[in-house]
Amino acid sequence: MGRKKRKGGGGNGILQFLPVLAVVVAMGFDYYATVFVFIDHWIAGGVQSDRGLLHAGVFTWITFMCSFSFCVAAISDPGSVPVNYGPDAENPQKEGTKSRSCEKCDAYKPPRSHHCRVCKRCVLKMDHHCLWMNNCVGYSNYKPFLIFILHAAIGSLYSTVIYFCDLFQTNHDFSVRSTALFYVLSGCFLFFLSLTMSTLLGWHIYLLTKNMTTIEFRAFLRDKWLAKKSGQKYRHRFDIGICNNISQVLGPNILKWFCPTSMGHLRDGTQFPVSYIIDMCHCQVRISMPLPPKIDITVI
């Protein structure tokens, strides 16, 4: 079957970039309010003091990492299916991880790949289409996406703590309507942002430790319920242990875990190691099946 290669990213309408602009504005407002309002009012001497410079420096670094990771995740290709990809007849995938055919792309798609209706193409190890990035979150940009929500959660919680410190430890003239309105709106914004980003971070940490995507989690619940109903135990086939699951996404070098551009550990995204649970006399044995090594054979 022929296959038309499509470019990454979301739709072409200018409205598609409004959510992206909203994220940029939110990060800019959070940085301005935290550094030049809350820290400046809370600490004696303001941002110019040693203590103020310390807090401002820490929050500036968090904001930089958040913004940089967001840009990397937003502009990166989430994972394109190779043009000449097809199932390997000589070495077929195990049952449950076999390649499938995409009717919309008129081509085979690898295991864990899904068709995105917004991007109009298949994405490798697709997690979801992120409206706020105007891009899919998939195999090739899941790491910077994780780093982004990590720093966004830390930054929003940091801002919230400084906000309350400034609110309760500094005298404010709330008789001025603009001041009172600014603090009320800022408090509501920071509370909503902290709750949203912390929840999102916790959710993706869970998925990371289980080596699942958001799409696979839905099937996981169904398969787990069916297994429990039949008296069997179920384990996600790609769950190869917490350490291996994390290394598969963030990389084997812990020093590069928080570098959003460190992607050297990624392969082509068409094959993944699987794990099977064998129940023998109520004793569970986990067998991890890694990817086969590449072997070059020269015929003389």
Protein backbone atom coordinates (compact mmCIF):
# COMPACT_ATOMS: atom_id res chain seq x y z
CA MET A 1 0.00 0.00 0.00
CA GLY A 2 1.22 3.47 -0.79
CA ARG A 3 1.72 5.99 1.91
CA LYS A 4 1.64 9.77 1.83
CA LYS A 5 3.97 11.34 4.32
CA ARG A 6 2.46 14.23 6.20
CA LYS A 7 4.11 17.03 8.08
CA GLY A 8 3.91 17.37 11.85
CA GLY A 9 1.91 19.83 13.86
CA GLY A 10 -1.75 20.66 14.13
CA GLY A 11 -4.11 22.52 11.83
CA ASN A 12 -3.23 25.50 9.69
CA GLY A 13 -5.90 27.93 10.91
CA ILE A 14 -4.72 30.91 12.91
CA LEU A 15 -7.20 29.94 15.63
CA GLN A 16 -5.08 26.84 16.25
CA PHE A 17 -2.34 29.07 17.70
CA LEU A 18 -4.55 30.96 20.16
CA PRO A 19 -4.15 28.28 22.89
CA VAL A 20 -0.37 28.38 22.33
CA LEU A 21 -0.44 32.15 22.73
CA ALA A 22 -2.52 31.74 25.89
CA VAL A 23 0.17 29.49 27.39
CA VAL A 24 2.90 32.00 26.54
CA VAL A 25 0.87 34.86 28.07
CA ALA A 26 0.17 32.78 31.20
CA MET A 27 3.87 32.03 31.70
CA GLY A 28 4.75 35.69 31.16
CA PHE A 29 2.12 36.90 33.62
CA ASP A 30 3.16 34.36 36.23
CA TYR A 31 6.80 35.40 35.94
CA TYR A 32 6.03 39.12 36.11
CA ALA A 33 3.65 38.81 39.07
CA THR A 34 5.95 36.52 41.04
CA VAL A 35 9.23 38.36 40.55
CA PHE A 36 8.24 42.01 40.23
CA VAL A 37 5.19 42.07 42.50
CA PHE A 38 5.08 39.28 45.09
CA ILE A 39 8.83 38.87 45.75
CA ASP A 40 9.42 42.62 45.50
CA HIS A 41 6.69 43.35 48.09
CA TRP A 42 7.35 40.38 50.38
CA ILE A 43 11.12 40.71 50.94
CA ALA A 44 12.62 43.81 52.53
CA GLY A 45 14.76 45.48 49.91
CA GLY A 46 12.79 43.85 47.11
CA VAL A 47 14.39 41.99 44.25
CA GLN A 48 17.61 43.97 44.73
CA SER A 49 18.32 42.29 48.09
CA ASP A 50 20.35 39.08 48.35
CA ARG A 51 17.31 37.08 49.43
CA GLY A 52 15.21 38.63 46.68
CA LEU A 53 17.85 37.86 44.06
CA LEU A 54 18.00 34.25 45.24
CA HIS A 55 14.24 33.72 44.89
CA ALA A 56 14.16 35.61 41.61
CA GLY A 57 17.08 33.58 40.24
CA VAL A 58 15.52 30.25 41.19
CA PHE A 59 12.15 31.19 39.70
CA THR A 60 13.81 32.56 36.55
CA TRP A 61 15.55 29.21 36.00
CA ILE A 62 12.28 27.31 36.51
CA THR A 63 10.51 29.61 34.06
CA PHE A 64 13.31 29.24 31.51
CA MET A 65 13.21 25.44 31.67
CA CYS A 66 9.43 25.49 31.45
CA SER A 67 9.46 27.76 28.40
CA PHE A 68 12.32 25.95 26.67
CA SER A 69 10.77 22.50 27.18
CA PHE A 70 7.42 23.80 25.93
CA CYS A 71 9.03 25.12 22.75
CA VAL A 72 10.90 21.86 22.13
CA ALA A 73 7.75 19.77 22.63
CA ALA A 74 5.63 22.11 20.50
CA ILE A 75 7.92 22.33 17.47
CA SER A 76 9.27 18.75 17.50
CA ASP A 77 7.85 16.03 15.30
CA PRO A 78 6.06 13.69 17.73
CA GLY A 79 7.07 10.68 15.66
CA SER A 80 6.44 9.93 12.00
CA VAL A 81 5.90 6.42 10.69
CA PRO A 82 8.74 5.56 8.29
CA VAL A 83 7.72 5.91 4.65
CA ASN A 84 8.59 2.31 3.72
CA TYR A 85 7.40 0.77 6.99
CA GLY A 86 5.78 -2.65 6.76
CA PRO A 87 5.38 -5.70 9.02
CA ASP A 88 8.40 -8.00 9.09
CA ALA A 89 7.20 -11.32 7.70
CA GLU A 90 10.34 -13.14 8.84
CA ASN A 91 10.20 -11.80 12.39
CA PRO A 92 6.55 -11.00 13.18
CA GLN A 93 5.64 -9.19 16.37
CA LYS A 94 4.19 -11.12 19.28
CA GLU A 95 0.44 -11.45 19.58
CA GLY A 96 -1.11 -8.22 20.78
CA THR A 97 1.73 -6.07 19.42
CA LYS A 98 1.38 -6.85 15.72
CA SER A 99 1.26 -4.12 13.12
CA ARG A 100 -2.10 -2.87 11.97
CA SER A 101 -3.35 -1.11 8.90
CA CYS A 102 -4.56 2.49 8.96
CA GLU A 103 -7.45 2.99 6.57
CA LYS A 104 -7.11 6.78 6.58
CA CYS A 105 -3.39 6.79 5.77
CA ASP A 106 -3.71 3.68 3.57
CA ALA A 107 -0.58 2.25 5.18
CA TYR A 108 0.61 -0.02 7.97
CA LYS A 109 1.13 1.54 11.37
CA PRO A 110 3.53 0.12 13.99
CA PRO A 111 2.43 -1.11 17.41
CA ARG A 112 1.35 1.68 19.81
CA SER A 113 0.80 4.07 16.90
CA HIS A 114 -2.52 5.83 16.38
CA HIS A 115 -4.06 8.10 13.79
CA CYS A 116 -4.57 11.71 14.86
CA ARG A 117 -7.65 13.32 13.37
CA VAL A 118 -6.23 16.82 13.89
CA CYS A 119 -2.77 16.19 12.42
CA LYS A 120 -4.28 13.85 9.83
CA ARG A 121 -1.54 11.23 10.13
CA CYS A 122 -0.37 8.33 12.28
CA VAL A 123 1.84 9.21 15.26
CA LEU A 124 4.32 6.81 16.87
CA LYS A 125 3.39 5.89 20.45
CA MET A 126 0.76 8.59 20.47
CA ASP A 127 -0.33 9.81 23.91
CA HIS A 128 -2.77 12.56 22.94
CA HIS A 129 -3.15 15.63 20.78
CA CYS A 130 -2.32 18.66 22.92
CA LEU A 131 -4.47 21.66 22.05
CA TRP A 132 -2.18 23.97 24.05
CA MET A 133 0.87 23.05 21.96
CA ASN A 134 -0.96 22.65 18.64
CA ASN A 135 0.91 19.36 18.30
CA CYS A 136 0.61 15.71 19.19
CA VAL A 137 2.46 14.25 22.15
CA GLY A 138 4.14 11.09 20.93
CA TYR A 139 7.28 8.99 20.91
CA SER A 140 9.74 11.73 19.92
CA ASN A 141 8.51 14.62 22.07
CA TYR A 142 7.07 12.93 25.15
CA LYS A 143 10.25 13.61 27.16
CA PRO A 144 10.24 17.42 26.66
CA PHE A 145 6.50 17.39 27.35
CA LEU A 146 7.15 15.67 30.70
CA ILE A 147 9.89 18.14 31.56
CA PHE A 148 7.56 21.00 30.66
CA ILE A 149 4.73 19.91 32.95
CA LEU A 150 7.25 19.12 35.71
CA HIS A 151 8.64 22.66 35.73
CA ALA A 152 5.17 24.13 35.19
CA ALA A 153 3.91 22.33 38.31
CA ILE A 154 6.96 23.31 40.38
CA GLY A 155 6.80 26.91 39.16
CA SER A 156 3.08 27.32 39.84
CA LEU A 157 3.43 25.88 43.36
CA TYR A 158 6.45 28.12 43.97
CA SER A 159 4.44 31.15 42.84
CA THR A 160 1.52 30.17 45.05
CA VAL A 161 3.71 29.91 48.16
CA ILE A 162 5.32 33.30 47.47
CA TYR A 163 1.88 34.79 46.79
CA PHE A 164 0.58 33.74 50.21
CA CYS A 165 3.79 34.87 51.92
CA ASP A 166 3.36 38.30 50.37
CA LEU A 167 -0.37 38.35 51.10
CA PHE A 168 -0.15 37.55 54.82
CA GLN A 169 3.26 38.97 55.76
CA THR A 170 3.03 42.33 54.01
CA ASN A 171 0.67 45.22 54.59
CA HIS A 172 -1.40 46.03 51.51
CA ASP A 173 -3.81 48.86 50.85
CA PHE A 174 -6.75 46.84 49.56
CA SER A 175 -8.94 49.93 49.69
CA VAL A 176 -7.50 50.60 46.24
CA ARG A 177 -9.78 48.62 43.97
CA SER A 178 -7.11 47.83 41.38
CA THR A 179 -4.79 46.32 44.02
CA ALA A 180 -7.56 44.20 45.54
CA LEU A 181 -8.68 43.02 42.09
CA PHE A 182 -5.12 42.13 41.07
CA TYR A 183 -4.55 39.96 44.16
CA VAL A 184 -7.93 38.25 43.88
CA LEU A 185 -7.45 37.39 40.21
CA SER A 186 -3.83 36.35 40.80
CA GLY A 187 -4.84 34.06 43.65
CA CYS A 188 -7.56 32.38 41.57
CA PHE A 189 -5.18 32.02 38.62
CA LEU A 190 -2.37 30.49 40.69
CA PHE A 191 -4.72 28.12 42.52
CA PHE A 192 -6.22 26.84 39.26
CA LEU A 193 -2.80 26.59 37.60
CA SER A 194 -1.21 24.74 40.53
CA LEU A 195 -4.09 22.29 40.80
CA THR A 196 -4.18 21.62 37.05
CA MET A 197 -0.44 21.19 36.52
CA SER A 198 0.09 19.13 39.69
CA THR A 199 -2.72 16.78 38.69
CA LEU A 200 -1.39 16.50 35.14
CA LEU A 201 2.13 15.81 36.44
CA GLY A 202 0.91 13.11 38.83
CA TRP A 203 -1.05 11.47 36.03
CA HIS A 204 1.88 11.33 33.64
CA ILE A 205 4.26 10.12 36.34
CA TYR A 206 1.87 7.20 36.86
CA LEU A 207 1.79 6.52 33.11
CA LEU A 208 5.60 6.77 32.96
CA THR A 209 6.10 4.18 35.69
CA LYS A 210 3.63 1.84 33.98
CA ASN A 211 4.98 2.51 30.46
CA MET A 212 1.53 3.41 29.19
CA THR A 213 0.10 6.20 27.10
CA THR A 214 -3.19 7.94 27.79
CA ILE A 215 -4.77 6.03 24.90
CA GLU A 216 -3.42 2.69 26.15
CA PHE A 217 -4.75 3.35 29.65
CA ARG A 218 -8.32 3.09 28.39
CA ALA A 219 -7.63 -0.34 26.89
CA PHE A 220 -5.72 -1.29 30.05
CA LEU A 221 -8.78 -0.72 32.23
CA ARG A 222 -10.95 -2.81 29.93
CA ASP A 223 -8.45 -5.68 29.65
CA LYS A 224 -7.82 -5.62 33.40
CA TRP A 225 -11.57 -5.83 34.09
CA LEU A 226 -11.98 -8.74 31.67
CA ALA A 227 -9.02 -10.58 33.21
CA LYS A 228 -10.36 -10.05 36.72
CA LYS A 229 -13.79 -11.24 35.65
CA SER A 230 -12.30 -14.49 34.35
CA GLY A 231 -10.16 -14.98 37.48
CA GLN A 232 -6.86 -14.09 35.85
CA LYS A 233 -4.22 -11.46 36.54
CA TYR A 234 -3.41 -8.87 33.95
CA ARG A 235 -0.27 -6.82 33.33
CA HIS A 236 0.29 -4.20 30.66
CA ARG A 237 2.42 -5.90 28.01
CA PHE A 238 4.88 -3.00 27.73
CA ASP A 239 5.45 -2.70 31.49
CA ILE A 240 9.03 -3.95 31.88
CA GLY A 241 9.70 -2.60 35.38
CA ILE A 242 9.79 0.93 36.78
CA CYS A 243 13.50 1.55 36.15
CA ASN A 244 13.36 0.24 32.58
CA ASN A 245 10.13 2.13 31.90
CA ILE A 246 11.67 5.43 33.01
CA SER A 247 14.93 4.80 31.12
CA GLN A 248 12.98 4.05 27.95
CA VAL A 249 11.52 7.57 27.98
CA LEU A 250 14.11 9.73 29.78
CA GLY A 251 17.21 7.81 28.77
CA PRO A 252 19.75 5.62 30.61
CA ASN A 253 21.89 8.57 31.78
CA ILE A 254 20.25 10.16 34.84
CA LEU A 255 22.32 13.32 34.31
CA LYS A 256 20.44 13.93 31.04
CA TRP A 257 16.95 13.18 32.34
CA PHE A 258 16.03 16.87 32.64
CA CYS A 259 17.54 17.96 29.33
CA PRO A 260 14.64 18.28 26.87
CA THR A 261 16.90 18.03 23.82
CA SER A 262 18.70 14.85 24.92
CA MET A 263 17.05 12.31 22.61
CA GLY A 264 19.97 10.09 21.64
CA HIS A 265 18.46 7.05 23.39
CA LEU A 266 15.41 6.99 21.12
CA ARG A 267 15.20 4.38 18.37
CA ASP A 268 12.88 4.40 15.36
CA GLY A 269 9.77 3.99 17.53
CA THR A 270 8.40 1.00 15.63
CA GLN A 271 9.40 -1.74 18.11
CA PHE A 272 9.20 -1.94 21.89
CA PRO A 273 10.29 -4.58 24.43
CA VAL A 274 7.38 -6.49 25.94
CA SER A 275 6.82 -8.26 29.22
CA TYR A 276 4.68 -11.31 29.85
CA ILE A 277 3.33 -12.69 33.13
CA ILE A 278 3.16 -16.45 33.44
CA ASP A 279 1.02 -17.75 36.30
CA MET A 280 2.33 -21.18 37.41
CA CYS A 281 0.62 -22.55 40.53
CA HIS A 282 -0.18 -19.00 41.69
CA CYS A 283 3.49 -18.00 41.37
CA GLN A 284 4.03 -15.11 39.01
CA VAL A 285 7.09 -15.03 36.81
CA ARG A 286 7.81 -11.91 34.78
CA ILE A 287 9.69 -12.42 31.55
CA SER A 288 11.07 -9.32 29.90
CA MET A 289 11.71 -9.67 26.19
CA PRO A 290 14.08 -6.92 24.97
CA LEU A 291 14.38 -5.79 21.40
CA PRO A 292 16.60 -8.04 19.27
CA PRO A 293 20.05 -6.57 18.58
CA LYS A 294 20.91 -5.42 15.10
CA ILE A 295 23.14 -7.99 13.33
CA ASP A 296 25.06 -7.24 10.16
CA ILE A 297 25.65 -10.34 8.03
CA THR A 298 28.13 -10.25 5.19
CA VAL A 299 27.86 -12.98 2.57
CA ILE A 300 31.15 -13.92 0.87
